[in-house]
Amino acid sequence: MPNGPPPVNRYDLEDLWRSRVQAAHGRYRAALERYRSALAKQESVSPPPPDAELAVMCAMREQSRSIEEYMRVLRIFTDLTLYGKIPEDQS
């Protein structure tokens, strides 16, 4: 009896990674909106509240992390669909 993981169906993997791309894109869009909102709030009040700069910086950091994750997942999906490269990372 062979040991190891069951064979991988490429089309199932494509569906899985497509949904991961969509989820990562949604998280990026939400983070981008929070950044834009924090920035607009900071710019709309003069003088800006003391915590406004911190809110913008936190939102910008979140947006940066979310686009990095979106690009990572998109790269894996692209490699899978265009080149047939089965991802090592299933997370």
Protein backbone atom coordinates (compact mmCIF):
# COMPACT_ATOMS: atom_id res chain seq x y z
CA MET A 1 0.00 0.00 0.00
CA PRO A 2 1.61 3.32 -1.06
CA ASN A 3 2.24 5.97 1.54
CA GLY A 4 2.01 9.72 1.07
CA PRO A 5 -0.61 12.22 0.00
CA PRO A 6 -3.32 11.30 -2.50
CA PRO A 7 -2.78 12.36 -6.12
CA VAL A 8 -3.49 16.02 -6.80
CA ASN A 9 -6.15 16.99 -9.31
CA ARG A 10 -4.90 20.13 -11.04
CA TYR A 11 -8.39 21.47 -11.75
CA ASP A 12 -9.39 21.16 -8.11
CA LEU A 13 -6.20 23.00 -7.19
CA GLU A 14 -7.03 25.74 -9.71
CA ASP A 15 -10.46 26.17 -8.14
CA LEU A 16 -8.95 26.27 -4.67
CA TRP A 17 -6.34 28.86 -5.62
CA ARG A 18 -8.85 30.90 -7.64
CA SER A 19 -10.98 31.24 -4.52
CA ARG A 20 -7.87 32.17 -2.53
CA VAL A 21 -7.02 34.87 -5.09
CA GLN A 22 -10.54 36.26 -4.83
CA ALA A 23 -10.43 36.25 -1.03
CA ALA A 24 -6.99 37.90 -0.94
CA HIS A 25 -8.16 40.52 -3.43
CA GLY A 26 -11.19 41.25 -1.26
CA ARG A 27 -8.99 41.68 1.81
CA TYR A 28 -6.70 44.01 -0.15
CA ARG A 29 -9.63 46.12 -1.39
CA ALA A 30 -11.01 46.40 2.16
CA ALA A 31 -7.59 47.39 3.54
CA LEU A 32 -7.16 49.94 0.76
CA GLU A 33 -10.55 51.45 1.59
CA ARG A 34 -9.62 51.67 5.29
CA TYR A 35 -6.37 53.42 4.34
CA ARG A 36 -8.15 55.90 2.08
CA SER A 37 -10.72 56.56 4.77
CA ALA A 38 -8.07 57.16 7.46
CA LEU A 39 -6.17 59.47 5.13
CA ALA A 40 -9.29 61.44 4.22
CA LYS A 41 -10.22 61.75 7.89
CA GLN A 42 -6.75 63.06 8.70
CA GLU A 43 -6.85 65.60 5.87
CA SER A 44 -10.39 66.80 6.59
CA VAL A 45 -9.72 68.16 10.06
CA SER A 46 -7.37 70.99 10.81
CA PRO A 47 -5.43 70.48 12.94
CA PRO A 48 -5.65 66.68 12.66
CA PRO A 49 -6.31 64.77 15.88
CA PRO A 50 -3.19 63.38 17.56
CA ASP A 51 -4.02 59.78 16.73
CA ALA A 52 -4.84 60.48 13.07
CA GLU A 53 -1.27 60.00 11.88
CA LEU A 54 -1.03 56.71 13.76
CA ALA A 55 -4.32 55.55 12.22
CA VAL A 56 -3.03 56.35 8.73
CA MET A 57 0.26 54.56 9.38
CA CYS A 58 -1.51 51.45 10.72
CA ALA A 59 -3.93 51.41 7.79
CA MET A 60 -1.05 51.86 5.33
CA ARG A 61 0.84 48.95 6.94
CA GLU A 62 -2.26 46.76 6.75
CA GLN A 63 -2.77 47.71 3.10
CA SER A 64 0.87 46.91 2.30
CA ARG A 65 0.67 43.50 3.96
CA SER A 66 -2.58 42.70 2.20
CA ILE A 67 -1.23 43.55 -1.25
CA GLU A 68 1.87 41.47 -0.60
CA GLU A 69 -0.35 38.51 0.30
CA TYR A 70 -2.57 39.11 -2.72
CA MET A 71 0.47 39.17 -5.01
CA ARG A 72 1.87 35.98 -3.41
CA VAL A 73 -1.40 34.10 -3.93
CA LEU A 74 -1.81 35.50 -7.45
CA ARG A 75 1.73 34.38 -8.34
CA ILE A 76 1.00 30.84 -7.14
CA PHE A 77 -2.28 30.77 -9.08
CA THR A 78 -0.58 32.10 -12.22
CA ASP A 79 2.22 29.54 -12.02
CA LEU A 80 -0.37 26.79 -11.59
CA THR A 81 -2.66 27.85 -14.43
CA LEU A 82 -0.05 28.95 -16.97
CA TYR A 83 2.84 26.59 -16.27
CA GLY A 84 1.22 23.67 -14.46
CA LYS A 85 3.45 24.21 -11.44
CA ILE A 86 1.86 22.47 -8.46
CA PRO A 87 2.29 24.70 -5.40
CA GLU A 88 4.36 23.31 -2.55
CA ASP A 89 2.62 25.69 -0.15
CA GLN A 90 -0.99 24.68 0.39
CA SER A 91 -1.68 27.49 2.88
